[in-house]
Every structure is written in structure tokens, then in C-alpha cells.
Amino acid sequence: MKFSVAQPENLGFHYLNLFKEEVWEEVAEFAGANPSAQDVCSATLHRTESLATHKIKPTKIDVAKTFDIEAEKYYDEIIIYCLATMRLTPR
């Protein structure tokens, strides 16, 4: 599989938000799509200098037994999208 197009917005690659953009392809090749928490931790330990400096928001999804990792720069976009899909307006 070609990982040069892997981005955190793609399903299975949200964990890339933990890393700087310049190493996404390398990390995606190492961990693949939908990696286990152990695989992500292993990728992190091998590339500590490549960890992102922005804030992240991990969300545990019990039903799918997975985590969603959101980057701070997308919080507003995600909130607006959620409000639009639920037909609500911000306070």
C-alpha cells in the first residue's frame, strides 16, 4: 500500500496527529492503518523527536475498541461540522 497519501483525516490514520507532518509517511509505513495502541507507542518511542507540539484530544470509542486522536487546529472545524449535522447552533 502507498502511504505517501496517508493523512490524519483518513480513516485508520488519526494517530498521525501525534506526529509532525514531515514524518507521516514514515510512521504510516511503520504502523499501518488502524494500528494497535502498542504499535503507536512503538512508533512514538522510535521517533520521539518527531512528536507534534500542538495539543491533541484523544477520545476512547468503547464500541469500536479504538481511540480517535484530534489535533487542536481542527477542533473548531469538528465542532462546526457536528453542530451542522445535528442541526444545532453554537451558543
N, C-alpha and C. Protein backbone atom coordinates (compact mmCIF):
# COMPACT_ATOMS: atom_id res chain seq x y z
N MET A 1 0.84 -1.19 0.00
CA MET A 1 0.00 0.00 0.00
C MET A 1 0.88 1.24 0.00
N LYS A 2 0.44 2.27 -0.69
CA LYS A 2 1.18 3.53 -0.79
C LYS A 2 0.77 4.42 0.38
N PHE A 3 1.73 4.74 1.25
CA PHE A 3 1.43 5.53 2.44
C PHE A 3 1.76 7.01 2.26
N SER A 4 2.21 7.41 1.08
CA SER A 4 2.55 8.82 0.86
C SER A 4 1.32 9.71 0.91
N VAL A 5 0.14 9.14 0.75
CA VAL A 5 -1.09 9.93 0.80
C VAL A 5 -1.80 9.81 2.15
N ALA A 6 -1.22 9.08 3.08
CA ALA A 6 -1.82 8.91 4.40
C ALA A 6 -1.85 10.24 5.14
N GLN A 7 -3.02 10.60 5.64
CA GLN A 7 -3.21 11.82 6.41
C GLN A 7 -4.10 11.52 7.60
N PRO A 8 -4.00 12.33 8.67
CA PRO A 8 -4.80 12.07 9.86
C PRO A 8 -6.30 12.09 9.62
N GLU A 9 -6.73 12.76 8.56
CA GLU A 9 -8.16 12.84 8.26
C GLU A 9 -8.69 11.53 7.69
N ASN A 10 -7.81 10.66 7.19
CA ASN A 10 -8.21 9.38 6.62
C ASN A 10 -8.54 8.39 7.73
N LEU A 11 -9.55 7.58 7.50
CA LEU A 11 -9.90 6.55 8.48
C LEU A 11 -8.71 5.64 8.72
N GLY A 12 -8.46 5.34 9.97
CA GLY A 12 -7.36 4.46 10.33
C GLY A 12 -6.04 5.16 10.56
N PHE A 13 -5.97 6.45 10.25
CA PHE A 13 -4.71 7.17 10.37
C PHE A 13 -4.80 8.39 11.30
N HIS A 14 -5.81 8.46 12.15
CA HIS A 14 -5.95 9.60 13.06
C HIS A 14 -4.76 9.71 14.01
N TYR A 15 -4.10 8.61 14.27
CA TYR A 15 -2.93 8.62 15.16
C TYR A 15 -1.79 9.48 14.62
N LEU A 16 -1.81 9.77 13.32
CA LEU A 16 -0.75 10.61 12.74
C LEU A 16 -0.76 12.02 13.33
N ASN A 17 -1.87 12.43 13.95
CA ASN A 17 -1.92 13.73 14.63
C ASN A 17 -0.92 13.82 15.76
N LEU A 18 -0.40 12.68 16.20
CA LEU A 18 0.60 12.67 17.27
C LEU A 18 1.99 13.08 16.78
N PHE A 19 2.17 13.10 15.46
CA PHE A 19 3.49 13.33 14.87
C PHE A 19 3.51 14.57 13.99
N LYS A 20 4.71 15.09 13.76
CA LYS A 20 4.90 16.20 12.84
C LYS A 20 4.59 15.72 11.42
N GLU A 21 4.07 16.61 10.61
CA GLU A 21 3.63 16.26 9.27
C GLU A 21 4.73 15.64 8.40
N GLU A 22 5.96 16.09 8.59
CA GLU A 22 7.05 15.59 7.74
C GLU A 22 7.37 14.11 7.94
N VAL A 23 6.87 13.48 9.00
CA VAL A 23 7.15 12.06 9.21
C VAL A 23 5.91 11.17 9.06
N TRP A 24 4.81 11.73 8.61
CA TRP A 24 3.57 10.95 8.49
C TRP A 24 3.74 9.71 7.62
N GLU A 25 4.39 9.87 6.46
CA GLU A 25 4.55 8.73 5.56
C GLU A 25 5.37 7.62 6.22
N GLU A 26 6.47 7.99 6.85
CA GLU A 26 7.34 7.01 7.51
C GLU A 26 6.60 6.28 8.64
N VAL A 27 5.87 7.04 9.45
CA VAL A 27 5.14 6.45 10.57
C VAL A 27 4.00 5.57 10.05
N ALA A 28 3.31 6.01 9.00
CA ALA A 28 2.23 5.21 8.42
C ALA A 28 2.75 3.89 7.87
N GLU A 29 3.93 3.91 7.25
CA GLU A 29 4.52 2.68 6.76
C GLU A 29 4.88 1.75 7.91
N PHE A 30 5.32 2.32 9.02
CA PHE A 30 5.70 1.51 10.19
C PHE A 30 4.48 0.91 10.88
N ALA A 31 3.45 1.73 11.13
CA ALA A 31 2.31 1.30 11.93
C ALA A 31 1.12 0.83 11.09
N GLY A 32 1.00 1.30 9.85
CA GLY A 32 -0.11 0.90 9.00
C GLY A 32 -1.42 1.56 9.39
N ALA A 33 -2.50 1.06 8.81
CA ALA A 33 -3.84 1.58 9.10
C ALA A 33 -4.41 0.85 10.32
N ASN A 34 -5.12 1.56 11.14
CA ASN A 34 -5.76 1.01 12.34
C ASN A 34 -4.78 0.21 13.21
N PRO A 35 -3.66 0.81 13.60
CA PRO A 35 -2.68 0.08 14.41
C PRO A 35 -3.18 -0.09 15.85
N SER A 36 -2.57 -1.03 16.53
CA SER A 36 -2.88 -1.20 17.95
C SER A 36 -2.21 -0.07 18.73
N ALA A 37 -2.63 0.11 19.97
CA ALA A 37 -2.01 1.13 20.82
C ALA A 37 -0.53 0.81 21.01
N GLN A 38 -0.19 -0.46 21.07
CA GLN A 38 1.21 -0.87 21.22
C GLN A 38 2.03 -0.45 20.00
N ASP A 39 1.47 -0.59 18.80
CA ASP A 39 2.18 -0.18 17.58
C ASP A 39 2.43 1.32 17.56
N VAL A 40 1.42 2.09 17.98
CA VAL A 40 1.57 3.55 18.01
C VAL A 40 2.62 3.95 19.04
N CYS A 41 2.59 3.30 20.20
CA CYS A 41 3.60 3.58 21.24
C CYS A 41 4.99 3.23 20.74
N SER A 42 5.11 2.14 20.03
CA SER A 42 6.40 1.74 19.48
C SER A 42 6.90 2.77 18.46
N ALA A 43 6.00 3.24 17.59
CA ALA A 43 6.38 4.27 16.61
C ALA A 43 6.80 5.55 17.33
N THR A 44 6.13 5.86 18.42
CA THR A 44 6.45 7.06 19.20
C THR A 44 7.83 6.94 19.84
N LEU A 45 8.13 5.80 20.41
CA LEU A 45 9.42 5.60 21.07
C LEU A 45 10.59 5.66 20.09
N HIS A 46 10.35 5.25 18.85
CA HIS A 46 11.39 5.29 17.82
C HIS A 46 11.58 6.68 17.23
N ARG A 47 10.60 7.57 17.45
CA ARG A 47 10.64 8.89 16.81
C ARG A 47 10.25 10.01 17.78
N THR A 48 10.79 10.00 18.98
CA THR A 48 10.39 10.99 19.99
C THR A 48 10.65 12.42 19.52
N GLU A 49 11.67 12.63 18.71
CA GLU A 49 11.96 13.98 18.21
C GLU A 49 10.93 14.43 17.15
N SER A 50 10.12 13.51 16.68
CA SER A 50 9.14 13.83 15.65
C SER A 50 7.73 14.01 16.19
N LEU A 51 7.58 14.02 17.50
CA LEU A 51 6.24 14.21 18.08
C LEU A 51 5.74 15.62 17.82
N ALA A 52 4.47 15.74 17.55
CA ALA A 52 3.86 17.04 17.30
C ALA A 52 3.87 17.88 18.57
N THR A 53 3.88 19.19 18.40
CA THR A 53 3.89 20.08 19.56
C THR A 53 2.51 20.69 19.82
N HIS A 54 1.56 20.47 18.91
CA HIS A 54 0.21 21.00 19.13
C HIS A 54 -0.55 20.12 20.12
N LYS A 55 -1.60 20.66 20.67
CA LYS A 55 -2.42 19.89 21.61
C LYS A 55 -3.25 18.88 20.82
N ILE A 56 -3.51 17.74 21.46
CA ILE A 56 -4.36 16.73 20.86
C ILE A 56 -5.49 16.40 21.82
N LYS A 57 -6.52 15.79 21.27
CA LYS A 57 -7.66 15.37 22.10
C LYS A 57 -7.95 13.91 21.78
N PRO A 58 -7.49 13.00 22.64
CA PRO A 58 -7.81 11.59 22.41
C PRO A 58 -9.22 11.28 22.93
N THR A 59 -9.97 10.52 22.17
CA THR A 59 -11.32 10.12 22.56
C THR A 59 -11.41 8.61 22.46
N LYS A 60 -11.72 7.95 23.55
CA LYS A 60 -11.86 6.49 23.54
C LYS A 60 -13.25 6.13 23.02
N ILE A 61 -13.28 5.21 22.07
CA ILE A 61 -14.54 4.75 21.50
C ILE A 61 -14.69 3.29 21.90
N ASP A 62 -15.49 3.04 22.93
CA ASP A 62 -15.60 1.70 23.51
C ASP A 62 -16.16 0.67 22.54
N VAL A 63 -17.18 1.05 21.78
CA VAL A 63 -17.84 0.11 20.88
C VAL A 63 -16.85 -0.44 19.86
N ALA A 64 -16.03 0.43 19.30
CA ALA A 64 -15.06 0.02 18.28
C ALA A 64 -13.73 -0.41 18.90
N LYS A 65 -13.60 -0.26 20.22
CA LYS A 65 -12.35 -0.58 20.92
C LYS A 65 -11.17 0.15 20.27
N THR A 66 -11.33 1.45 20.12
CA THR A 66 -10.31 2.26 19.46
C THR A 66 -10.26 3.64 20.08
N PHE A 67 -9.32 4.46 19.62
CA PHE A 67 -9.20 5.84 20.04
C PHE A 67 -9.26 6.73 18.81
N ASP A 68 -9.84 7.90 18.96
CA ASP A 68 -9.80 8.92 17.92
C ASP A 68 -8.86 10.00 18.44
N ILE A 69 -7.92 10.43 17.63
CA ILE A 69 -6.96 11.45 18.02
C ILE A 69 -7.21 12.69 17.16
N GLU A 70 -7.69 13.76 17.80
CA GLU A 70 -7.95 15.01 17.09
C GLU A 70 -6.85 16.01 17.40
N ALA A 71 -6.47 16.80 16.40
CA ALA A 71 -5.47 17.85 16.58
C ALA A 71 -6.17 19.16 16.92
N GLU A 72 -5.53 19.96 17.74
CA GLU A 72 -6.10 21.23 18.19
C GLU A 72 -6.54 22.10 17.02
N LYS A 73 -5.77 22.12 15.93
CA LYS A 73 -6.08 23.01 14.81
C LYS A 73 -7.40 22.66 14.14
N TYR A 74 -7.94 21.46 14.39
CA TYR A 74 -9.19 21.05 13.77
C TYR A 74 -10.39 21.12 14.72
N TYR A 75 -10.19 21.49 15.99
CA TYR A 75 -11.29 21.50 16.95
C TYR A 75 -12.49 22.30 16.45
N ASP A 76 -12.25 23.53 16.00
CA ASP A 76 -13.36 24.38 15.56
C ASP A 76 -14.09 23.77 14.37
N GLU A 77 -13.34 23.23 13.41
CA GLU A 77 -13.96 22.61 12.24
C GLU A 77 -14.82 21.42 12.65
N ILE A 78 -14.33 20.63 13.59
CA ILE A 78 -15.07 19.44 14.04
C ILE A 78 -16.34 19.86 14.77
N ILE A 79 -16.24 20.86 15.63
CA ILE A 79 -17.41 21.33 16.37
C ILE A 79 -18.46 21.88 15.41
N ILE A 80 -18.04 22.69 14.44
CA ILE A 80 -18.99 23.26 13.46
C ILE A 80 -19.64 22.14 12.66
N TYR A 81 -18.87 21.14 12.23
CA TYR A 81 -19.42 20.01 11.48
C TYR A 81 -20.44 19.26 12.32
N CYS A 82 -20.10 18.97 13.58
CA CYS A 82 -21.02 18.24 14.46
C CYS A 82 -22.31 19.02 14.67
N LEU A 83 -22.17 20.32 14.90
CA LEU A 83 -23.36 21.14 15.09
C LEU A 83 -24.21 21.16 13.83
N ALA A 84 -23.58 21.24 12.67
CA ALA A 84 -24.32 21.28 11.40
C ALA A 84 -25.04 19.96 11.15
N THR A 85 -24.40 18.85 11.46
CA THR A 85 -25.03 17.55 11.21
C THR A 85 -26.15 17.28 12.21
N MET A 86 -26.07 17.88 13.40
CA MET A 86 -27.12 17.69 14.39
C MET A 86 -28.15 18.81 14.29
N ARG A 87 -27.94 19.75 13.36
CA ARG A 87 -28.83 20.89 13.14
C ARG A 87 -28.98 21.74 14.41
N LEU A 88 -27.87 21.97 15.06
CA LEU A 88 -27.83 22.82 16.25
C LEU A 88 -27.03 24.05 15.92
N THR A 89 -27.16 25.06 16.73
CA THR A 89 -26.36 26.27 16.55
C THR A 89 -25.52 26.48 17.78
N PRO A 90 -24.30 27.03 17.61
CA PRO A 90 -23.45 27.29 18.79
C PRO A 90 -24.07 28.32 19.70
N ARG A 91 -23.74 28.23 20.97
CA ARG A 91 -24.28 29.21 21.95
C ARG A 91 -23.51 30.48 21.90
